[in-house]
Amino acid sequence: MPSRPLKSISSEDTFEKDLPIGDLPPSLARAAERVAAAAARKRRLGRTVTVKLKTSDFRLWTRRRTVARPPADAAELLAVAEALLAEFPADPRLLYRLAGVGLSNFLDEDDDGQAPLFDADAAPPEVGDPDDD
């Protein structure tokens, strides 16, 4: 089986007891630590940070942001994750059973080893009249 390039790194926690959104930052911090450590081990720099939450009634919610400069460490990753957390509804009646952080859109992803199909500097091909045969 050929190895596929890694498309994302993520970590999530499922809670024993459903939690309100205000109680989620420590879980996001732990997830950000695990993701940053895995990214460092694999020498990957990702531009897109994702926060994933699952409600007590199993609805899945995500928010993602592509940043100009990849997070360099867990603290920077967590800062983006916490900003994304602020985009979720602040309804105290909503309870969450899972929270996670992901990193994707790696800097070297667009280099897949294939040559471009078209030369960007080449002129478009001439197209003749279909009746010119």
N, C-alpha and C. Protein backbone atom coordinates (compact mmCIF):
# COMPACT_ATOMS: atom_id res chain seq x y z
N MET A 1 0.85 -1.18 0.00
CA MET A 1 0.00 0.00 0.00
C MET A 1 0.89 1.24 0.00
N PRO A 2 0.73 2.14 -0.97
CA PRO A 2 1.58 3.31 -1.01
C PRO A 2 1.25 4.24 0.15
N SER A 3 2.29 4.90 0.65
CA SER A 3 2.05 5.84 1.76
C SER A 3 1.47 7.14 1.19
N ARG A 4 0.51 7.65 1.91
CA ARG A 4 -0.13 8.89 1.49
C ARG A 4 0.43 10.04 2.31
N PRO A 5 0.54 11.21 1.73
CA PRO A 5 1.04 12.34 2.50
C PRO A 5 0.03 12.69 3.60
N LEU A 6 0.56 13.10 4.73
CA LEU A 6 -0.25 13.49 5.87
C LEU A 6 -1.02 14.77 5.52
N LYS A 7 -2.34 14.74 5.63
CA LYS A 7 -3.17 15.89 5.29
C LYS A 7 -3.56 16.72 6.50
N SER A 8 -3.58 16.12 7.69
CA SER A 8 -3.93 16.87 8.89
C SER A 8 -3.39 16.15 10.12
N ILE A 9 -3.28 16.93 11.18
CA ILE A 9 -2.92 16.41 12.50
C ILE A 9 -3.97 16.97 13.44
N SER A 10 -4.57 16.11 14.25
CA SER A 10 -5.59 16.60 15.17
C SER A 10 -5.58 15.80 16.46
N SER A 11 -6.20 16.38 17.46
CA SER A 11 -6.36 15.73 18.75
C SER A 11 -7.67 16.21 19.34
N GLU A 12 -8.39 15.30 19.99
CA GLU A 12 -9.65 15.68 20.60
C GLU A 12 -9.85 14.91 21.89
N ASP A 13 -10.67 15.48 22.75
CA ASP A 13 -11.01 14.86 24.03
C ASP A 13 -12.51 14.69 24.10
N THR A 14 -12.95 13.52 24.54
CA THR A 14 -14.34 13.28 24.86
C THR A 14 -14.46 13.33 26.37
N PHE A 15 -15.42 14.08 26.86
CA PHE A 15 -15.55 14.31 28.29
C PHE A 15 -16.46 13.29 28.95
N GLU A 16 -16.15 12.98 30.21
CA GLU A 16 -17.02 12.09 30.99
C GLU A 16 -18.36 12.76 31.25
N LYS A 17 -18.32 14.08 31.42
CA LYS A 17 -19.52 14.87 31.71
C LYS A 17 -19.57 16.01 30.70
N ASP A 18 -20.74 16.26 30.10
CA ASP A 18 -20.88 17.34 29.13
C ASP A 18 -20.56 18.68 29.79
N LEU A 19 -19.85 19.54 29.04
CA LEU A 19 -19.35 20.79 29.60
C LEU A 19 -19.90 22.01 28.86
N PRO A 20 -20.07 23.13 29.57
CA PRO A 20 -20.41 24.39 28.90
C PRO A 20 -19.17 24.93 28.19
N ILE A 21 -19.39 25.82 27.25
CA ILE A 21 -18.28 26.33 26.43
C ILE A 21 -17.19 27.00 27.28
N GLY A 22 -17.56 27.61 28.37
CA GLY A 22 -16.59 28.28 29.23
C GLY A 22 -15.60 27.34 29.88
N ASP A 23 -15.93 26.06 29.93
CA ASP A 23 -15.03 25.07 30.54
C ASP A 23 -14.12 24.38 29.53
N LEU A 24 -14.19 24.77 28.26
CA LEU A 24 -13.44 24.06 27.22
C LEU A 24 -11.98 24.50 27.02
N PRO A 25 -11.59 25.73 27.37
CA PRO A 25 -10.20 26.13 27.09
C PRO A 25 -9.11 25.19 27.61
N PRO A 26 -9.22 24.62 28.82
CA PRO A 26 -8.14 23.69 29.23
C PRO A 26 -8.03 22.46 28.31
N SER A 27 -9.16 21.97 27.83
CA SER A 27 -9.13 20.84 26.91
C SER A 27 -8.49 21.24 25.59
N LEU A 28 -8.83 22.44 25.10
CA LEU A 28 -8.21 22.92 23.86
C LEU A 28 -6.70 23.09 24.04
N ALA A 29 -6.29 23.53 25.23
CA ALA A 29 -4.85 23.71 25.49
C ALA A 29 -4.13 22.36 25.43
N ARG A 30 -4.72 21.33 26.03
CA ARG A 30 -4.10 20.00 25.97
C ARG A 30 -4.04 19.49 24.53
N ALA A 31 -5.13 19.69 23.79
CA ALA A 31 -5.16 19.24 22.39
C ALA A 31 -4.13 20.00 21.56
N ALA A 32 -4.01 21.30 21.78
CA ALA A 32 -3.03 22.11 21.04
C ALA A 32 -1.61 21.63 21.34
N GLU A 33 -1.35 21.27 22.59
CA GLU A 33 -0.03 20.73 22.95
C GLU A 33 0.27 19.45 22.17
N ARG A 34 -0.71 18.55 22.12
CA ARG A 34 -0.51 17.28 21.42
C ARG A 34 -0.32 17.50 19.92
N VAL A 35 -1.12 18.39 19.35
CA VAL A 35 -1.01 18.65 17.90
C VAL A 35 0.33 19.31 17.58
N ALA A 36 0.72 20.29 18.38
CA ALA A 36 2.00 20.98 18.13
C ALA A 36 3.16 20.00 18.25
N ALA A 37 3.11 19.11 19.24
CA ALA A 37 4.19 18.13 19.41
C ALA A 37 4.24 17.17 18.22
N ALA A 38 3.09 16.72 17.76
CA ALA A 38 3.06 15.81 16.59
C ALA A 38 3.56 16.52 15.34
N ALA A 39 3.15 17.77 15.16
CA ALA A 39 3.60 18.53 13.98
C ALA A 39 5.11 18.73 14.02
N ALA A 40 5.66 19.01 15.20
CA ALA A 40 7.11 19.19 15.33
C ALA A 40 7.85 17.89 15.02
N ARG A 41 7.32 16.77 15.55
CA ARG A 41 7.96 15.47 15.28
C ARG A 41 7.97 15.17 13.78
N LYS A 42 6.91 15.52 13.10
CA LYS A 42 6.79 15.22 11.67
C LYS A 42 7.34 16.35 10.79
N ARG A 43 7.81 17.41 11.47
CA ARG A 43 8.37 18.57 10.77
C ARG A 43 7.39 19.16 9.76
N ARG A 44 6.17 19.39 10.23
CA ARG A 44 5.11 19.95 9.38
C ARG A 44 4.67 21.29 9.94
N LEU A 45 4.45 22.25 9.06
CA LEU A 45 3.93 23.56 9.43
C LEU A 45 2.59 23.73 8.72
N GLY A 46 1.53 23.87 9.48
CA GLY A 46 0.20 23.99 8.90
C GLY A 46 -0.33 25.41 8.97
N ARG A 47 -1.10 25.77 7.95
CA ARG A 47 -1.66 27.11 7.89
C ARG A 47 -3.10 27.19 8.37
N THR A 48 -3.81 26.05 8.42
CA THR A 48 -5.23 26.08 8.79
C THR A 48 -5.43 25.40 10.13
N VAL A 49 -6.04 26.14 11.05
CA VAL A 49 -6.36 25.63 12.39
C VAL A 49 -7.86 25.38 12.43
N THR A 50 -8.25 24.23 12.98
CA THR A 50 -9.66 23.87 13.10
C THR A 50 -9.98 23.57 14.55
N VAL A 51 -11.12 24.05 14.99
CA VAL A 51 -11.67 23.66 16.29
C VAL A 51 -12.95 22.90 16.02
N LYS A 52 -13.06 21.75 16.65
CA LYS A 52 -14.22 20.87 16.46
C LYS A 52 -14.88 20.68 17.82
N LEU A 53 -16.20 20.87 17.86
CA LEU A 53 -16.98 20.63 19.07
C LEU A 53 -18.15 19.73 18.74
N LYS A 54 -18.47 18.84 19.66
CA LYS A 54 -19.65 18.00 19.50
C LYS A 54 -20.56 18.28 20.70
N THR A 55 -21.82 18.59 20.41
CA THR A 55 -22.75 18.91 21.48
C THR A 55 -23.25 17.64 22.15
N SER A 56 -23.95 17.83 23.26
CA SER A 56 -24.47 16.69 24.02
C SER A 56 -25.50 15.90 23.21
N ASP A 57 -26.11 16.55 22.20
CA ASP A 57 -27.05 15.82 21.33
C ASP A 57 -26.37 15.38 20.03
N PHE A 58 -25.03 15.30 20.05
CA PHE A 58 -24.21 14.75 18.96
C PHE A 58 -24.16 15.60 17.68
N ARG A 59 -24.52 16.87 17.77
CA ARG A 59 -24.31 17.76 16.61
C ARG A 59 -22.85 18.16 16.58
N LEU A 60 -22.27 18.11 15.40
CA LEU A 60 -20.86 18.44 15.22
C LEU A 60 -20.74 19.85 14.66
N TRP A 61 -19.93 20.67 15.31
CA TRP A 61 -19.71 22.05 14.88
C TRP A 61 -18.20 22.26 14.69
N THR A 62 -17.83 22.94 13.61
CA THR A 62 -16.42 23.25 13.39
C THR A 62 -16.27 24.70 12.99
N ARG A 63 -15.13 25.22 13.31
CA ARG A 63 -14.70 26.54 12.84
C ARG A 63 -13.25 26.37 12.44
N ARG A 64 -12.87 27.03 11.33
CA ARG A 64 -11.47 26.94 10.92
C ARG A 64 -11.00 28.30 10.42
N ARG A 65 -9.71 28.48 10.54
CA ARG A 65 -9.10 29.74 10.09
C ARG A 65 -7.74 29.43 9.49
N THR A 66 -7.49 30.01 8.33
CA THR A 66 -6.19 29.91 7.68
C THR A 66 -5.43 31.18 8.02
N VAL A 67 -4.27 31.00 8.62
CA VAL A 67 -3.47 32.13 9.08
C VAL A 67 -2.33 32.39 8.11
N ALA A 68 -1.85 33.63 8.11
CA ALA A 68 -0.78 34.01 7.19
C ALA A 68 0.53 33.29 7.51
N ARG A 69 0.81 33.14 8.81
CA ARG A 69 2.04 32.49 9.24
C ARG A 69 1.66 31.30 10.11
N PRO A 70 2.14 30.11 9.78
CA PRO A 70 1.78 28.93 10.56
C PRO A 70 2.15 29.10 12.04
N PRO A 71 1.30 28.58 12.93
CA PRO A 71 1.64 28.63 14.36
C PRO A 71 2.97 27.92 14.59
N ALA A 72 3.87 28.59 15.32
CA ALA A 72 5.21 28.05 15.54
C ALA A 72 5.27 27.08 16.71
N ASP A 73 4.28 27.15 17.60
CA ASP A 73 4.30 26.29 18.78
C ASP A 73 2.89 26.14 19.33
N ALA A 74 2.78 25.41 20.44
CA ALA A 74 1.46 25.15 21.03
C ALA A 74 0.76 26.43 21.48
N ALA A 75 1.52 27.38 21.99
CA ALA A 75 0.92 28.63 22.46
C ALA A 75 0.27 29.40 21.30
N GLU A 76 0.94 29.46 20.16
CA GLU A 76 0.37 30.15 18.99
C GLU A 76 -0.83 29.38 18.45
N LEU A 77 -0.72 28.07 18.43
CA LEU A 77 -1.84 27.24 17.97
C LEU A 77 -3.04 27.44 18.89
N LEU A 78 -2.81 27.46 20.18
CA LEU A 78 -3.89 27.66 21.14
C LEU A 78 -4.51 29.05 20.99
N ALA A 79 -3.72 30.06 20.71
CA ALA A 79 -4.26 31.41 20.53
C ALA A 79 -5.28 31.44 19.39
N VAL A 80 -4.96 30.78 18.28
CA VAL A 80 -5.89 30.72 17.15
C VAL A 80 -7.12 29.89 17.54
N ALA A 81 -6.90 28.77 18.23
CA ALA A 81 -8.01 27.91 18.64
C ALA A 81 -8.96 28.66 19.58
N GLU A 82 -8.42 29.43 20.50
CA GLU A 82 -9.28 30.18 21.42
C GLU A 82 -10.05 31.28 20.69
N ALA A 83 -9.44 31.90 19.68
CA ALA A 83 -10.15 32.88 18.87
C ALA A 83 -11.31 32.21 18.12
N LEU A 84 -11.07 31.01 17.63
CA LEU A 84 -12.13 30.26 16.96
C LEU A 84 -13.23 29.86 17.94
N LEU A 85 -12.86 29.48 19.15
CA LEU A 85 -13.84 29.11 20.16
C LEU A 85 -14.81 30.26 20.42
N ALA A 86 -14.31 31.48 20.36
CA ALA A 86 -15.16 32.66 20.58
C ALA A 86 -16.21 32.82 19.48
N GLU A 87 -16.05 32.13 18.36
CA GLU A 87 -17.01 32.22 17.25
C GLU A 87 -18.19 31.26 17.42
N PHE A 88 -18.12 30.35 18.38
CA PHE A 88 -19.22 29.43 18.64
C PHE A 88 -20.29 30.13 19.48
N PRO A 89 -21.53 29.66 19.42
CA PRO A 89 -22.59 30.28 20.23
C PRO A 89 -22.22 30.24 21.73
N ALA A 90 -22.48 31.32 22.40
CA ALA A 90 -22.16 31.42 23.83
C ALA A 90 -23.35 31.03 24.70
N ASP A 91 -24.28 30.29 24.16
CA ASP A 91 -25.47 29.87 24.88
C ASP A 91 -25.09 28.94 26.04
N PRO A 92 -25.34 29.35 27.29
CA PRO A 92 -24.95 28.51 28.43
C PRO A 92 -25.74 27.20 28.51
N ARG A 93 -26.83 27.10 27.77
CA ARG A 93 -27.60 25.84 27.76
C ARG A 93 -26.96 24.79 26.87
N LEU A 94 -26.09 25.21 25.96
CA LEU A 94 -25.41 24.24 25.09
C LEU A 94 -24.29 23.57 25.87
N LEU A 95 -24.27 22.27 25.84
CA LEU A 95 -23.23 21.51 26.51
C LEU A 95 -22.47 20.69 25.47
N TYR A 96 -21.19 20.51 25.72
CA TYR A 96 -20.32 19.83 24.76
C TYR A 96 -19.74 18.57 25.36
N ARG A 97 -19.72 17.51 24.54
CA ARG A 97 -19.16 16.24 24.99
C ARG A 97 -17.79 15.99 24.38
N LEU A 98 -17.37 16.80 23.39
CA LEU A 98 -16.08 16.59 22.73
C LEU A 98 -15.55 17.94 22.27
N ALA A 99 -14.24 18.11 22.37
CA ALA A 99 -13.58 19.30 21.83
C ALA A 99 -12.25 18.86 21.24
N GLY A 100 -11.89 19.44 20.11
CA GLY A 100 -10.64 19.08 19.47
C GLY A 100 -10.02 20.23 18.69
N VAL A 101 -8.75 20.08 18.43
CA VAL A 101 -7.97 21.05 17.65
C VAL A 101 -7.28 20.30 16.53
N GLY A 102 -7.27 20.90 15.34
CA GLY A 102 -6.60 20.29 14.20
C GLY A 102 -5.73 21.29 13.46
N LEU A 103 -4.78 20.77 12.72
CA LEU A 103 -3.87 21.57 11.91
C LEU A 103 -3.79 20.91 10.55
N SER A 104 -3.93 21.71 9.49
CA SER A 104 -3.89 21.16 8.13
C SER A 104 -3.36 22.24 7.18
N ASN A 105 -3.49 21.97 5.88
CA ASN A 105 -3.03 22.90 4.85
C ASN A 105 -1.54 23.18 5.05
N PHE A 106 -0.76 22.09 5.05
CA PHE A 106 0.66 22.19 5.33
C PHE A 106 1.41 22.93 4.23
N LEU A 107 2.47 23.61 4.61
CA LEU A 107 3.23 24.44 3.67
C LEU A 107 3.71 23.67 2.46
N ASP A 108 4.08 22.42 2.61
CA ASP A 108 4.61 21.66 1.48
C ASP A 108 3.54 20.85 0.76
N GLU A 109 2.25 21.05 1.10
CA GLU A 109 1.19 20.27 0.47
C GLU A 109 1.05 20.52 -1.03
N ASP A 110 1.28 21.76 -1.46
CA ASP A 110 1.07 22.05 -2.87
C ASP A 110 2.19 21.50 -3.74
N ASP A 111 3.25 20.98 -3.13
CA ASP A 111 4.32 20.34 -3.90
C ASP A 111 4.09 18.83 -3.87
N ASP A 112 3.34 18.33 -4.86
CA ASP A 112 3.01 16.91 -4.86
C ASP A 112 3.93 16.09 -5.76
N GLY A 113 4.99 16.74 -6.24
CA GLY A 113 5.96 16.01 -7.03
C GLY A 113 5.60 15.91 -8.51
N GLN A 114 4.46 16.42 -8.91
CA GLN A 114 4.06 16.37 -10.31
C GLN A 114 4.42 17.68 -11.00
N ALA A 115 4.82 17.57 -12.23
CA ALA A 115 5.06 18.76 -13.02
C ALA A 115 3.72 19.39 -13.39
N PRO A 116 3.69 20.71 -13.52
CA PRO A 116 2.42 21.35 -13.87
C PRO A 116 1.95 20.87 -15.24
N LEU A 117 0.64 20.78 -15.40
CA LEU A 117 0.06 20.34 -16.66
C LEU A 117 0.30 21.38 -17.75
N PHE A 118 0.21 22.65 -17.38
CA PHE A 118 0.41 23.73 -18.35
C PHE A 118 1.51 24.64 -17.84
N ASP A 119 2.33 25.12 -18.75
CA ASP A 119 3.36 26.09 -18.42
C ASP A 119 2.68 27.43 -18.23
N ALA A 120 2.83 28.04 -17.05
CA ALA A 120 2.15 29.29 -16.74
C ALA A 120 2.59 30.42 -17.67
N ASP A 121 3.82 30.35 -18.22
CA ASP A 121 4.32 31.42 -19.09
C ASP A 121 4.02 31.18 -20.57
N ALA A 122 3.52 30.01 -20.91
CA ALA A 122 3.27 29.69 -22.31
C ALA A 122 1.98 30.35 -22.79
N ALA A 123 1.98 30.70 -24.06
CA ALA A 123 0.77 31.27 -24.66
C ALA A 123 -0.26 30.18 -24.84
N PRO A 124 -1.55 30.53 -24.75
CA PRO A 124 -2.57 29.50 -24.95
C PRO A 124 -2.49 28.95 -26.37
N PRO A 125 -2.85 27.70 -26.57
CA PRO A 125 -2.77 27.12 -27.91
C PRO A 125 -3.75 27.81 -28.85
N GLU A 126 -3.37 27.83 -30.13
CA GLU A 126 -4.25 28.39 -31.15
C GLU A 126 -5.42 27.45 -31.36
N VAL A 127 -6.59 27.99 -31.45
CA VAL A 127 -7.76 27.18 -31.71
C VAL A 127 -8.32 27.61 -33.06
N GLY A 128 -8.39 26.66 -33.95
CA GLY A 128 -8.88 26.97 -35.28
C GLY A 128 -10.39 26.79 -35.38
N ASP A 129 -10.92 27.16 -36.52
CA ASP A 129 -12.34 26.98 -36.80
C ASP A 129 -12.58 25.50 -36.98
N PRO A 130 -13.58 24.90 -36.30
CA PRO A 130 -13.80 23.46 -36.40
C PRO A 130 -14.13 23.01 -37.83
N ASP A 131 -14.50 23.92 -38.71
CA ASP A 131 -14.83 23.56 -40.08
C ASP A 131 -13.63 23.66 -41.00
N ASP A 132 -12.43 23.89 -40.49
CA ASP A 132 -11.23 24.06 -41.30
C ASP A 132 -10.64 22.74 -41.78
N ASP A 133 -11.23 21.62 -41.56
CA ASP A 133 -10.64 20.32 -41.92
C ASP A 133 -10.50 20.18 -43.39
